[in-house]
PDB file of N, CA and C in Angstrom:
ATOM      1  N   MET A   1     -28.092  49.271 -84.429  1.00  0.00           N
ATOM      2  CA  MET A   1     -27.136  49.141 -85.498  1.00  0.00           C
ATOM      3  C   MET A   1     -27.439  47.828 -86.223  1.00  0.00           C
ATOM      4  N   ASN A   2     -27.457  47.901 -87.487  1.00  0.00           N
ATOM      5  CA  ASN A   2     -27.782  46.758 -88.333  1.00  0.00           C
ATOM      6  C   ASN A   2     -26.529  46.358 -89.108  1.00  0.00           C
ATOM      7  N   HIS A   3     -26.268  45.053 -89.210  1.00  0.00           N
ATOM      8  CA  HIS A   3     -25.074  44.622 -89.934  1.00  0.00           C
ATOM      9  C   HIS A   3     -25.139  45.000 -91.410  1.00  0.00           C
ATOM     10  N   ASN A   4     -26.322  45.248 -91.922  1.00  0.00           N
ATOM     11  CA  ASN A   4     -26.461  45.661 -93.319  1.00  0.00           C
ATOM     12  C   ASN A   4     -26.009  47.099 -93.550  1.00  0.00           C
ATOM     13  N   ASP A   5     -25.754  47.830 -92.463  1.00  0.00           N
ATOM     14  CA  ASP A   5     -25.275  49.205 -92.587  1.00  0.00           C
ATOM     15  C   ASP A   5     -23.834  49.267 -93.107  1.00  0.00           C
ATOM     16  N   TYR A   6     -23.151  48.137 -93.158  1.00  0.00           N
ATOM     17  CA  TYR A   6     -21.736  48.120 -93.507  1.00  0.00           C
ATOM     18  C   TYR A   6     -21.462  47.245 -94.726  1.00  0.00           C
ATOM     19  N   GLN A   7     -22.274  47.350 -95.714  1.00  0.00           N
ATOM     20  CA  GLN A   7     -22.110  46.568 -96.939  1.00  0.00           C
ATOM     21  C   GLN A   7     -20.965  47.137 -97.775  1.00  0.00           C
ATOM     22  N   PRO A   8     -20.258  46.259 -98.523  1.00  0.00           N
ATOM     23  CA  PRO A   8     -19.200  46.768 -99.408  1.00  0.00           C
ATOM     24  C   PRO A   8     -19.818  47.539-100.572  1.00  0.00           C
ATOM     25  N   GLN A   9     -19.011  48.285-101.240  1.00  0.00           N
ATOM     26  CA  GLN A   9     -19.492  49.032-102.404  1.00  0.00           C
ATOM     27  C   GLN A   9     -20.051  48.057-103.430  1.00  0.00           C
ATOM     28  N   ALA A  10     -21.118  48.461-104.074  1.00  0.00           N
ATOM     29  CA  ALA A  10     -21.742  47.618-105.097  1.00  0.00           C
ATOM     30  C   ALA A  10     -20.832  47.527-106.317  1.00  0.00           C
ATOM     31  N   GLY A  11     -20.816  46.353-106.938  1.00  0.00           N
ATOM     32  CA  GLY A  11     -20.000  46.159-108.134  1.00  0.00           C
ATOM     33  C   GLY A  11     -19.079  44.972-107.956  1.00  0.00           C
ATOM     34  N   THR A  12     -18.226  44.801-108.904  1.00  0.00           N
ATOM     35  CA  THR A  12     -17.296  43.676-108.880  1.00  0.00           C
ATOM     36  C   THR A  12     -15.962  44.134-108.324  1.00  0.00           C
ATOM     37  N   TRP A  13     -15.459  43.375-107.357  1.00  0.00           N
ATOM     38  CA  TRP A  13     -14.166  43.649-106.754  1.00  0.00           C
ATOM     39  C   TRP A  13     -13.120  42.801-107.454  1.00  0.00           C
ATOM     40  N   THR A  14     -11.928  43.359-107.576  1.00  0.00           N
ATOM     41  CA  THR A  14     -10.841  42.653-108.235  1.00  0.00           C
ATOM     42  C   THR A  14      -9.642  42.602-107.302  1.00  0.00           C
ATOM     43  N   LEU A  15      -9.128  41.380-107.126  1.00  0.00           N
ATOM     44  CA  LEU A  15      -7.894  41.185-106.372  1.00  0.00           C
ATOM     45  C   LEU A  15      -6.814  40.864-107.394  1.00  0.00           C
ATOM     46  N   THR A  16      -5.752  41.656-107.404  1.00  0.00           N
ATOM     47  CA  THR A  16      -4.676  41.458-108.375  1.00  0.00           C
ATOM     48  C   THR A  16      -3.398  41.057-107.657  1.00  0.00           C
ATOM     49  N   ALA A  17      -2.811  39.949-108.110  1.00  0.00           N
ATOM     50  CA  ALA A  17      -1.556  39.452-107.533  1.00  0.00           C
ATOM     51  C   ALA A  17      -0.376  40.156-108.186  1.00  0.00           C
ATOM     52  N   PRO A  18       0.792  40.121-107.535  1.00  0.00           N
ATOM     53  CA  PRO A  18       1.984  40.745-108.124  1.00  0.00           C
ATOM     54  C   PRO A  18       2.337  40.185-109.498  1.00  0.00           C
ATOM     55  N   ASN A  19       1.975  38.928-109.778  1.00  0.00           N
ATOM     56  CA  ASN A  19       2.320  38.334-111.074  1.00  0.00           C
ATOM     57  C   ASN A  19       1.284  38.660-112.155  1.00  0.00           C
ATOM     58  N   GLY A  20       0.275  39.477-111.820  1.00  0.00           N
ATOM     59  CA  GLY A  20      -0.717  39.885-112.801  1.00  0.00           C
ATOM     60  C   GLY A  20      -1.997  39.072-112.793  1.00  0.00           C
ATOM     61  N   CYS A  21      -2.020  37.937-112.101  1.00  0.00           N
ATOM     62  CA  CYS A  21      -3.264  37.164-111.990  1.00  0.00           C
ATOM     63  C   CYS A  21      -4.283  37.985-111.216  1.00  0.00           C
ATOM     64  N   TYR A  22      -5.538  37.768-111.542  1.00  0.00           N
ATOM     65  CA  TYR A  22      -6.567  38.494-110.807  1.00  0.00           C
ATOM     66  C   TYR A  22      -7.774  37.597-110.572  1.00  0.00           C
ATOM     67  N   TRP A  23      -8.526  37.968-109.527  1.00  0.00           N
ATOM     68  CA  TRP A  23      -9.718  37.223-109.140  1.00  0.00           C
ATOM     69  C   TRP A  23     -10.829  38.232-108.905  1.00  0.00           C
ATOM     70  N   LEU A  24     -12.032  37.857-109.280  1.00  0.00           N
ATOM     71  CA  LEU A  24     -13.189  38.739-109.171  1.00  0.00           C
ATOM     72  C   LEU A  24     -14.128  38.227-108.090  1.00  0.00           C
ATOM     73  N   GLY A  25     -14.830  39.162-107.463  1.00  0.00           N
ATOM     74  CA  GLY A  25     -15.836  38.796-106.472  1.00  0.00           C
ATOM     75  C   GLY A  25     -16.796  39.943-106.242  1.00  0.00           C
ATOM     76  N   MET A  26     -17.975  39.615-105.706  1.00  0.00           N
ATOM     77  CA  MET A  26     -18.976  40.651-105.414  1.00  0.00           C
ATOM     78  C   MET A  26     -18.622  41.406-104.129  1.00  0.00           C
ATOM     79  N   THR A  27     -17.705  40.830-103.328  1.00  0.00           N
ATOM     80  CA  THR A  27     -17.219  41.489-102.112  1.00  0.00           C
ATOM     81  C   THR A  27     -15.705  41.287-102.075  1.00  0.00           C
ATOM     82  N   PRO A  28     -15.000  42.072-101.278  1.00  0.00           N
ATOM     83  CA  PRO A  28     -13.549  41.866-101.165  1.00  0.00           C
ATOM     84  C   PRO A  28     -13.215  40.449-100.689  1.00  0.00           C
ATOM     85  N   LEU A  29     -13.975  39.942 -99.730  1.00  0.00           N
ATOM     86  CA  LEU A  29     -13.688  38.596 -99.217  1.00  0.00           C
ATOM     87  C   LEU A  29     -13.985  37.522-100.251  1.00  0.00           C
ATOM     88  N   ALA A  30     -14.970  37.754-101.102  1.00  0.00           N
ATOM     89  CA  ALA A  30     -15.255  36.779-102.160  1.00  0.00           C
ATOM     90  C   ALA A  30     -14.083  36.697-103.137  1.00  0.00           C
ATOM     91  N   ALA A  31     -13.457  37.814-103.434  1.00  0.00           N
ATOM     92  CA  ALA A  31     -12.288  37.806-104.322  1.00  0.00           C
ATOM     93  C   ALA A  31     -11.113  37.094-103.654  1.00  0.00           C
ATOM     94  N   VAL A  32     -10.914  37.341-102.375  1.00  0.00           N
ATOM     95  CA  VAL A  32      -9.838  36.673-101.637  1.00  0.00           C
ATOM     96  C   VAL A  32     -10.113  35.174-101.560  1.00  0.00           C
ATOM     97  N   ARG A  33     -11.385  34.804-101.328  1.00  0.00           N
ATOM     98  CA  ARG A  33     -11.746  33.390-101.271  1.00  0.00           C
ATOM     99  C   ARG A  33     -11.451  32.702-102.608  1.00  0.00           C
ATOM    100  N   ALA A  34     -11.743  33.374-103.709  1.00  0.00           N
ATOM    101  CA  ALA A  34     -11.471  32.801-105.030  1.00  0.00           C
ATOM    102  C   ALA A  34      -9.973  32.568-105.210  1.00  0.00           C
ATOM    103  N   GLU A  35      -9.146  33.527-104.799  1.00  0.00           N
ATOM    104  CA  GLU A  35      -7.693  33.367-104.904  1.00  0.00           C
ATOM    105  C   GLU A  35      -7.224  32.217-104.025  1.00  0.00           C
ATOM    106  N   MET A  36      -7.718  32.159-102.791  1.00  0.00           N
ATOM    107  CA  MET A  36      -7.293  31.117-101.864  1.00  0.00           C
ATOM    108  C   MET A  36      -7.725  29.736-102.364  1.00  0.00           C
ATOM    109  N   ASN A  37      -8.923  29.634-102.909  1.00  0.00           N
ATOM    110  CA  ASN A  37      -9.408  28.343-103.401  1.00  0.00           C
ATOM    111  C   ASN A  37      -8.577  27.843-104.586  1.00  0.00           C
ATOM    112  N   GLU A  38      -8.037  28.761-105.348  1.00  0.00           N
ATOM    113  CA  GLU A  38      -7.187  28.375-106.470  1.00  0.00           C
ATOM    114  C   GLU A  38      -5.800  27.951-105.998  1.00  0.00           C
ATOM    115  N   ARG A  39      -5.306  28.629-104.980  1.00  0.00           N
ATOM    116  CA  ARG A  39      -3.934  28.417-104.525  1.00  0.00           C
ATOM    117  C   ARG A  39      -3.817  27.277-103.513  1.00  0.00           C
ATOM    118  N   ILE A  40      -4.825  27.114-102.654  1.00  0.00           N
ATOM    119  CA  ILE A  40      -4.749  26.129-101.568  1.00  0.00           C
ATOM    120  C   ILE A  40      -5.846  25.089-101.762  1.00  0.00           C
ATOM    121  N   PRO A  41      -5.487  23.824-101.911  1.00  0.00           N
ATOM    122  CA  PRO A  41      -6.500  22.784-102.095  1.00  0.00           C
ATOM    123  C   PRO A  41      -7.476  22.747-100.912  1.00  0.00           C
ATOM    124  N   ALA A  42      -8.715  22.376-101.195  1.00  0.00           N
ATOM    125  CA  ALA A  42      -9.758  22.335-100.164  1.00  0.00           C
ATOM    126  C   ALA A  42      -9.383  21.410 -99.015  1.00  0.00           C
ATOM    127  N   THR A  43      -8.704  20.305 -99.325  1.00  0.00           N
ATOM    128  CA  THR A  43      -8.312  19.369 -98.264  1.00  0.00           C
ATOM    129  C   THR A  43      -7.326  20.021 -97.294  1.00  0.00           C
ATOM    130  N   VAL A  44      -6.433  20.860 -97.810  1.00  0.00           N
ATOM    131  CA  VAL A  44      -5.473  21.555 -96.955  1.00  0.00           C
ATOM    132  C   VAL A  44      -6.196  22.608 -96.121  1.00  0.00           C
ATOM    133  N   GLN A  45      -7.126  23.330 -96.731  1.00  0.00           N
ATOM    134  CA  GLN A  45      -7.896  24.329 -95.992  1.00  0.00           C
ATOM    135  C   GLN A  45      -8.644  23.668 -94.833  1.00  0.00           C
ATOM    136  N   LEU A  46      -9.286  22.519 -95.113  1.00  0.00           N
ATOM    137  CA  LEU A  46     -10.036  21.802 -94.088  1.00  0.00           C
ATOM    138  C   LEU A  46      -9.104  21.285 -92.999  1.00  0.00           C
ATOM    139  N   ALA A  47      -7.954  20.766 -93.392  1.00  0.00           N
ATOM    140  CA  ALA A  47      -6.983  20.276 -92.403  1.00  0.00           C
ATOM    141  C   ALA A  47      -6.530  21.410 -91.484  1.00  0.00           C
ATOM    142  N   ARG A  48      -6.358  22.603 -92.028  1.00  0.00           N
ATOM    143  CA  ARG A  48      -5.953  23.757 -91.212  1.00  0.00           C
ATOM    144  C   ARG A  48      -7.045  24.122 -90.217  1.00  0.00           C
ATOM    145  N   ILE A  49      -8.295  24.044 -90.649  1.00  0.00           N
ATOM    146  CA  ILE A  49      -9.421  24.347 -89.746  1.00  0.00           C
ATOM    147  C   ILE A  49      -9.447  23.343 -88.598  1.00  0.00           C
ATOM    148  N   PHE A  50      -9.318  22.048 -88.930  1.00  0.00           N
ATOM    149  CA  PHE A  50      -9.324  21.022 -87.897  1.00  0.00           C
ATOM    150  C   PHE A  50      -8.132  21.165 -86.954  1.00  0.00           C
ATOM    151  N   ALA A  51      -6.971  21.511 -87.495  1.00  0.00           N
ATOM    152  CA  ALA A  51      -5.786  21.697 -86.652  1.00  0.00           C
ATOM    153  C   ALA A  51      -5.990  22.856 -85.673  1.00  0.00           C
ATOM    154  N   ALA A  52      -6.590  23.938 -86.155  1.00  0.00           N
ATOM    155  CA  ALA A  52      -6.862  25.074 -85.274  1.00  0.00           C
ATOM    156  C   ALA A  52      -7.867  24.686 -84.194  1.00  0.00           C
ATOM    157  N   ALA A  53      -8.885  23.905 -84.560  1.00  0.00           N
ATOM    158  CA  ALA A  53      -9.872  23.454 -83.583  1.00  0.00           C
ATOM    159  C   ALA A  53      -9.225  22.538 -82.545  1.00  0.00           C
ATOM    160  N   ASP A  54      -8.331  21.644 -82.998  1.00  0.00           N
ATOM    161  CA  ASP A  54      -7.626  20.760 -82.069  1.00  0.00           C
ATOM    162  C   ASP A  54      -6.750  21.558 -81.108  1.00  0.00           C
ATOM    163  N   GLU A  55      -6.083  22.575 -81.640  1.00  0.00           N
ATOM    164  CA  GLU A  55      -5.229  23.415 -80.794  1.00  0.00           C
ATOM    165  C   GLU A  55      -6.068  24.127 -79.740  1.00  0.00           C
ATOM    166  N   ASP A  56      -7.225  24.652 -80.148  1.00  0.00           N
ATOM    167  CA  ASP A  56      -8.114  25.320 -79.198  1.00  0.00           C
ATOM    168  C   ASP A  56      -8.583  24.336 -78.130  1.00  0.00           C
ATOM    169  N   ALA A  57      -8.931  23.119 -78.537  1.00  0.00           N
ATOM    170  CA  ALA A  57      -9.394  22.108 -77.593  1.00  0.00           C
ATOM    171  C   ALA A  57      -8.281  21.746 -76.612  1.00  0.00           C
ATOM    172  N   ALA A  58      -7.050  21.641 -77.105  1.00  0.00           N
ATOM    173  CA  ALA A  58      -5.926  21.306 -76.228  1.00  0.00           C
ATOM    174  C   ALA A  58      -5.681  22.425 -75.216  1.00  0.00           C
ATOM    175  N   GLN A  59      -5.761  23.665 -75.671  1.00  0.00           N
ATOM    176  CA  GLN A  59      -5.584  24.793 -74.759  1.00  0.00           C
ATOM    177  C   GLN A  59      -6.703  24.822 -73.725  1.00  0.00           C
ATOM    178  N   GLU A  60      -7.912  24.506 -74.148  1.00  0.00           N
ATOM    179  CA  GLU A  60      -9.044  24.473 -73.229  1.00  0.00           C
ATOM    180  C   GLU A  60      -8.844  23.380 -72.179  1.00  0.00           C
ATOM    181  N   GLN A  61      -8.365  22.204 -72.597  1.00  0.00           N
ATOM    182  CA  GLN A  61      -8.127  21.107 -71.651  1.00  0.00           C
ATOM    183  C   GLN A  61      -7.025  21.479 -70.657  1.00  0.00           C
ATOM    184  N   THR A  62      -6.001  22.180 -71.120  1.00  0.00           N
ATOM    185  CA  THR A  62      -4.930  22.631 -70.232  1.00  0.00           C
ATOM    186  C   THR A  62      -5.479  23.603 -69.193  1.00  0.00           C
ATOM    187  N   GLU A  63      -6.322  24.514 -69.633  1.00  0.00           N
ATOM    188  CA  GLU A  63      -6.919  25.488 -68.712  1.00  0.00           C
ATOM    189  C   GLU A  63      -7.846  24.797 -67.719  1.00  0.00           C
ATOM    190  N   ILE A  64      -8.608  23.824 -68.172  1.00  0.00           N
ATOM    191  CA  ILE A  64      -9.493  23.076 -67.273  1.00  0.00           C
ATOM    192  C   ILE A  64      -8.664  22.351 -66.215  1.00  0.00           C
ATOM    193  N   ALA A  65      -7.578  21.709 -66.633  1.00  0.00           N
ATOM    194  CA  ALA A  65      -6.716  20.999 -65.681  1.00  0.00           C
ATOM    195  C   ALA A  65      -6.116  21.960 -64.663  1.00  0.00           C
ATOM    196  N   ARG A  66      -5.711  23.143 -65.124  1.00  0.00           N
ATOM    197  CA  ARG A  66      -5.148  24.149 -64.208  1.00  0.00           C
ATOM    198  C   ARG A  66      -6.184  24.580 -63.181  1.00  0.00           C
ATOM    199  N   LEU A  67      -7.401  24.830 -63.644  1.00  0.00           N
ATOM    200  CA  LEU A  67      -8.468  25.257 -62.734  1.00  0.00           C
ATOM    201  C   LEU A  67      -8.856  24.140 -61.768  1.00  0.00           C
ATOM    202  N   GLN A  68      -8.885  22.901 -62.254  1.00  0.00           N
ATOM    203  CA  GLN A  68      -9.201  21.780 -61.376  1.00  0.00           C
ATOM    204  C   GLN A  68      -8.151  21.644 -60.276  1.00  0.00           C
ATOM    205  N   ALA A  69      -6.879  21.863 -60.610  1.00  0.00           N
ATOM    206  CA  ALA A  69      -5.820  21.791 -59.606  1.00  0.00           C
ATOM    207  C   ALA A  69      -5.992  22.898 -58.564  1.00  0.00           C
ATOM    208  N   GLN A  70      -6.375  24.094 -59.019  1.00  0.00           N
ATOM    209  CA  GLN A  70      -6.606  25.194 -58.077  1.00  0.00           C
ATOM    210  C   GLN A  70      -7.778  24.874 -57.158  1.00  0.00           C
ATOM    211  N   VAL A  71      -8.846  24.337 -57.717  1.00  0.00           N
ATOM    212  CA  VAL A  71     -10.010  23.983 -56.909  1.00  0.00           C
ATOM    213  C   VAL A  71      -9.633  22.917 -55.885  1.00  0.00           C
ATOM    214  N   ALA A  72      -8.861  21.917 -56.294  1.00  0.00           N
ATOM    215  CA  ALA A  72      -8.442  20.860 -55.375  1.00  0.00           C
ATOM    216  C   ALA A  72      -7.597  21.428 -54.244  1.00  0.00           C
ATOM    217  N   GLU A  73      -6.676  22.343 -54.593  1.00  0.00           N
ATOM    218  CA  GLU A  73      -5.826  22.939 -53.562  1.00  0.00           C
ATOM    219  C   GLU A  73      -6.649  23.781 -52.595  1.00  0.00           C
ATOM    220  N   LEU A  74      -7.593  24.546 -53.132  1.00  0.00           N
ATOM    221  CA  LEU A  74      -8.459  25.340 -52.260  1.00  0.00           C
ATOM    222  C   LEU A  74      -9.329  24.449 -51.382  1.00  0.00           C
ATOM    223  N   ALA A  75      -9.828  23.344 -51.934  1.00  0.00           N
ATOM    224  CA  ALA A  75     -10.648  22.421 -51.156  1.00  0.00           C
ATOM    225  C   ALA A  75      -9.824  21.800 -50.028  1.00  0.00           C
ATOM    226  N   ASP A  76      -8.574  21.424 -50.320  1.00  0.00           N
ATOM    227  CA  ASP A  76      -7.707  20.867 -49.275  1.00  0.00           C
ATOM    228  C   ASP A  76      -7.458  21.898 -48.173  1.00  0.00           C
ATOM    229  N   ALA A  77      -7.177  23.134 -48.569  1.00  0.00           N
ATOM    230  CA  ALA A  77      -6.933  24.191 -47.587  1.00  0.00           C
ATOM    231  C   ALA A  77      -8.175  24.459 -46.759  1.00  0.00           C
ATOM    232  N   LEU A  78      -9.330  24.444 -47.401  1.00  0.00           N
ATOM    233  CA  LEU A  78     -10.584  24.669 -46.688  1.00  0.00           C
ATOM    234  C   LEU A  78     -10.864  23.529 -45.711  1.00  0.00           C
ATOM    235  N   THR A  79     -10.576  22.312 -46.122  1.00  0.00           N
ATOM    236  CA  THR A  79     -10.762  21.159 -45.240  1.00  0.00           C
ATOM    237  C   THR A  79      -9.867  21.279 -44.011  1.00  0.00           C
ATOM    238  N   CYS A  80      -8.613  21.686 -44.240  1.00  0.00           N
ATOM    239  CA  CYS A  80      -7.659  21.875 -43.143  1.00  0.00           C
ATOM    240  C   CYS A  80      -8.140  22.981 -42.194  1.00  0.00           C
ATOM    241  N   ALA A  81      -8.596  24.079 -42.771  1.00  0.00           N
ATOM    242  CA  ALA A  81      -9.080  25.197 -41.954  1.00  0.00           C
ATOM    243  C   ALA A  81     -10.330  24.815 -41.178  1.00  0.00           C
ATOM    244  N   GLU A  82     -11.223  24.078 -41.822  1.00  0.00           N
ATOM    245  CA  GLU A  82     -12.453  23.645 -41.142  1.00  0.00           C
ATOM    246  C   GLU A  82     -12.118  22.736 -39.964  1.00  0.00           C
ATOM    247  N   ALA A  83     -11.166  21.820 -40.178  1.00  0.00           N
ATOM    248  CA  ALA A  83     -10.767  20.916 -39.098  1.00  0.00           C
ATOM    249  C   ALA A  83     -10.154  21.695 -37.936  1.00  0.00           C
ATOM    250  N   ALA A  84      -9.335  22.692 -38.265  1.00  0.00           N
ATOM    251  CA  ALA A  84      -8.721  23.508 -37.206  1.00  0.00           C
ATOM    252  C   ALA A  84      -9.780  24.263 -36.429  1.00  0.00           C
ATOM    253  N   LEU A  85     -10.757  24.835 -37.132  1.00  0.00           N
ATOM    254  CA  LEU A  85     -11.823  25.560 -36.435  1.00  0.00           C
ATOM    255  C   LEU A  85     -12.664  24.620 -35.581  1.00  0.00           C
ATOM    256  N   ALA A  86     -12.923  23.435 -36.094  1.00  0.00           N
ATOM    257  CA  ALA A  86     -13.685  22.461 -35.306  1.00  0.00           C
ATOM    258  C   ALA A  86     -12.905  22.059 -34.064  1.00  0.00           C
ATOM    259  N   ASP A  87     -11.585  21.852 -34.223  1.00  0.00           N
ATOM    260  CA  ASP A  87     -10.749  21.497 -33.073  1.00  0.00           C
ATOM    261  C   ASP A  87     -10.726  22.617 -32.046  1.00  0.00           C
ATOM    262  N   ILE A  88     -10.635  23.850 -32.524  1.00  0.00           N
ATOM    263  CA  ILE A  88     -10.603  24.987 -31.604  1.00  0.00           C
ATOM    264  C   ILE A  88     -11.904  25.064 -30.819  1.00  0.00           C
ATOM    265  N   GLY A  89     -13.008  24.713 -31.471  1.00  0.00           N
ATOM    266  CA  GLY A  89     -14.287  24.687 -30.757  1.00  0.00           C
ATOM    267  C   GLY A  89     -14.303  23.657 -29.644  1.00  0.00           C
ATOM    268  N   ASP A  90     -13.445  22.647 -29.751  1.00  0.00           N
ATOM    269  CA  ASP A  90     -13.353  21.599 -28.724  1.00  0.00           C
ATOM    270  C   ASP A  90     -12.122  21.780 -27.841  1.00  0.00           C
ATOM    271  N   ALA A  91     -11.575  22.980 -27.793  1.00  0.00           N
ATOM    272  CA  ALA A  91     -10.307  23.219 -27.089  1.00  0.00           C
ATOM    273  C   ALA A  91     -10.402  22.881 -25.619  1.00  0.00           C
ATOM    274  N   ASP A  92     -11.562  23.030 -25.040  1.00  0.00           N
ATOM    275  CA  ASP A  92     -11.687  22.764 -23.599  1.00  0.00           C
ATOM    276  C   ASP A  92     -11.513  21.280 -23.271  1.00  0.00           C
ATOM    277  N   ARG A  93     -11.489  20.439 -24.290  1.00  0.00           N
ATOM    278  CA  ARG A  93     -11.285  19.007 -24.069  1.00  0.00           C
ATOM    279  C   ARG A  93      -9.804  18.649 -23.987  1.00  0.00           C
ATOM    280  N   GLU A  94      -8.934  19.585 -24.401  1.00  0.00           N
ATOM    281  CA  GLU A  94      -7.495  19.345 -24.399  1.00  0.00           C
ATOM    282  C   GLU A  94      -6.902  19.842 -23.071  1.00  0.00           C
ATOM    283  N   PRO A  95      -5.901  19.144 -22.568  1.00  0.00           N
ATOM    284  CA  PRO A  95      -5.267  19.622 -21.334  1.00  0.00           C
ATOM    285  C   PRO A  95      -4.369  20.824 -21.622  1.00  0.00           C
ATOM    286  N   GLY A  96      -4.199  21.680 -20.664  1.00  0.00           N
ATOM    287  CA  GLY A  96      -3.277  22.799 -20.791  1.00  0.00           C
ATOM    288  C   GLY A  96      -3.979  24.107 -21.108  1.00  0.00           C
ATOM    289  N   ASP A  97      -3.179  25.079 -21.583  1.00  0.00           N
ATOM    290  CA  ASP A  97      -3.665  26.428 -21.876  1.00  0.00           C
ATOM    291  C   ASP A  97      -4.471  26.404 -23.170  1.00  0.00           C
ATOM    292  N   ASP A  98      -5.774  26.679 -23.060  1.00  0.00           N
ATOM    293  CA  ASP A  98      -6.657  26.622 -24.234  1.00  0.00           C
ATOM    294  C   ASP A  98      -6.274  27.657 -25.289  1.00  0.00           C
ATOM    295  N   VAL A  99      -5.923  28.874 -24.879  1.00  0.00           N
ATOM    296  CA  VAL A  99      -5.579  29.921 -25.836  1.00  0.00           C
ATOM    297  C   VAL A  99      -4.314  29.549 -26.605  1.00  0.00           C
ATOM    298  N   GLN A 100      -3.317  29.099 -25.899  1.00  0.00           N
ATOM    299  CA  GLN A 100      -2.073  28.705 -26.565  1.00  0.00           C
ATOM    300  C   GLN A 100      -2.335  27.543 -27.525  1.00  0.00           C
ATOM    301  N   TRP A 101      -3.102  26.565 -27.098  1.00  0.00           N
ATOM    302  CA  TRP A 101      -3.397  25.411 -27.951  1.00  0.00           C
ATOM    303  C   TRP A 101      -4.153  25.862 -29.206  1.00  0.00           C
ATOM    304  N   CYS A 102      -5.137  26.765 -29.045  1.00  0.00           N
ATOM    305  CA  CYS A 102      -5.904  27.273 -30.192  1.00  0.00           C
ATOM    306  C   CYS A 102      -4.998  28.030 -31.157  1.00  0.00           C
ATOM    307  N   GLU A 103      -4.087  28.833 -30.623  1.00  0.00           N
ATOM    308  CA  GLU A 103      -3.157  29.571 -31.482  1.00  0.00           C
ATOM    309  C   GLU A 103      -2.265  28.614 -32.263  1.00  0.00           C
ATOM    310  N   GLN A 104      -1.797  27.570 -31.618  1.00  0.00           N
ATOM    311  CA  GLN A 104      -0.944  26.598 -32.296  1.00  0.00           C
ATOM    312  C   GLN A 104      -1.719  25.854 -33.379  1.00  0.00           C
ATOM    313  N   ARG A 105      -2.953  25.496 -33.076  1.00  0.00           N
ATOM    314  CA  ARG A 105      -3.768  24.757 -34.043  1.00  0.00           C
ATOM    315  C   ARG A 105      -4.069  25.639 -35.257  1.00  0.00           C
ATOM    316  N   ALA A 106      -4.379  26.901 -35.025  1.00  0.00           N
ATOM    317  CA  ALA A 106      -4.644  27.833 -36.133  1.00  0.00           C
ATOM    318  C   ALA A 106      -3.366  28.075 -36.932  1.00  0.00           C
ATOM    319  N   ALA A 107      -2.235  28.203 -36.245  1.00  0.00           N
ATOM    320  CA  ALA A 107      -0.960  28.441 -36.930  1.00  0.00           C
ATOM    321  C   ALA A 107      -0.594  27.276 -37.838  1.00  0.00           C
ATOM    322  N   ALA A 108      -1.038  26.087 -37.491  1.00  0.00           N
ATOM    323  CA  ALA A 108      -0.755  24.922 -38.329  1.00  0.00           C
ATOM    324  C   ALA A 108      -1.619  24.920 -39.596  1.00  0.00           C
ATOM    325  N   ALA A 109      -2.811  25.495 -39.525  1.00  0.00           N
ATOM    326  CA  ALA A 109      -3.746  25.472 -40.661  1.00  0.00           C
ATOM    327  C   ALA A 109      -3.594  26.679 -41.586  1.00  0.00           C
ATOM    328  N   ILE A 110      -3.226  27.811 -41.054  1.00  0.00           N
ATOM    329  CA  ILE A 110      -3.214  29.066 -41.821  1.00  0.00           C
ATOM    330  C   ILE A 110      -2.268  29.047 -43.026  1.00  0.00           C
ATOM    331  N   PRO A 111      -1.053  28.509 -42.944  1.00  0.00           N
ATOM    332  CA  PRO A 111      -0.157  28.559 -44.112  1.00  0.00           C
ATOM    333  C   PRO A 111      -0.747  27.933 -45.370  1.00  0.00           C
ATOM    334  N   ALA A 112      -1.393  26.787 -45.249  1.00  0.00           N
ATOM    335  CA  ALA A 112      -1.978  26.135 -46.432  1.00  0.00           C
ATOM    336  C   ALA A 112      -3.068  27.001 -47.043  1.00  0.00           C
ATOM    337  N   VAL A 113      -3.846  27.621 -46.193  1.00  0.00           N
ATOM    338  CA  VAL A 113      -4.914  28.498 -46.682  1.00  0.00           C
ATOM    339  C   VAL A 113      -4.320  29.713 -47.383  1.00  0.00           C
ATOM    340  N   ARG A 114      -3.319  30.325 -46.805  1.00  0.00           N
ATOM    341  CA  ARG A 114      -2.697  31.515 -47.400  1.00  0.00           C
ATOM    342  C   ARG A 114      -2.046  31.198 -48.743  1.00  0.00           C
ATOM    343  N   VAL A 115      -1.363  30.061 -48.844  1.00  0.00           N
ATOM    344  CA  VAL A 115      -0.722  29.668 -50.107  1.00  0.00           C
ATOM    345  C   VAL A 115      -1.778  29.463 -51.187  1.00  0.00           C
ATOM    346  N   ALA A 116      -2.848  28.746 -50.846  1.00  0.00           N
ATOM    347  CA  ALA A 116      -3.906  28.473 -51.822  1.00  0.00           C
ATOM    348  C   ALA A 116      -4.573  29.762 -52.270  1.00  0.00           C
ATOM    349  N   LEU A 117      -4.842  30.662 -51.348  1.00  0.00           N
ATOM    350  CA  LEU A 117      -5.472  31.940 -51.692  1.00  0.00           C
ATOM    351  C   LEU A 117      -4.547  32.809 -52.544  1.00  0.00           C
ATOM    352  N   ALA A 118      -3.267  32.806 -52.230  1.00  0.00           N
ATOM    353  CA  ALA A 118      -2.321  33.608 -53.017  1.00  0.00           C
ATOM    354  C   ALA A 118      -2.261  33.130 -54.463  1.00  0.00           C
ATOM    355  N   LYS A 119      -2.366  31.834 -54.668  1.00  0.00           N
ATOM    356  CA  LYS A 119      -2.306  31.291 -56.027  1.00  0.00           C
ATOM    357  C   LYS A 119      -3.490  31.719 -56.879  1.00  0.00           C
ATOM    358  N   VAL A 120      -4.603  32.052 -56.241  1.00  0.00           N
ATOM    359  CA  VAL A 120      -5.774  32.498 -57.016  1.00  0.00           C
ATOM    360  C   VAL A 120      -5.951  34.013 -56.904  1.00  0.00           C
ATOM    361  N   GLY A 121      -4.922  34.687 -56.383  1.00  0.00           N
ATOM    362  CA  GLY A 121      -4.951  36.145 -56.377  1.00  0.00           C
ATOM    363  C   GLY A 121      -5.791  36.752 -55.283  1.00  0.00           C
ATOM    364  N   ARG A 122      -5.947  36.087 -54.201  1.00  0.00           N
ATOM    365  CA  ARG A 122      -6.753  36.646 -53.086  1.00  0.00           C
ATOM    366  C   ARG A 122      -5.869  37.062 -51.928  1.00  0.00           C
TER     367      ARG A 122
END
């Protein structure tokens, strides 16, 4: 598919306002651009473009901060889980019932992992 397959009809396009003013262009968008350039000063058009870009940048920064917080929470949960697994591997060094101690150690680590995973939809 070629973008040239969708060219506007050849000829001059006319945009007519309710008050009878009209603008000409070789394409529909050229006629609209002519009307807009007459009605809206270039400085205002440029300011609107910059404002939209700033808004996009702000939304992007908000999303980055949200993702960074999720990564930090997952990293903390992973660190907690890793420590619990490492401790369980050393369970024979602790006095008492090894199975009970391992269950308690895992029970202490699992909630943080589950909360972090739930927040990212896992």
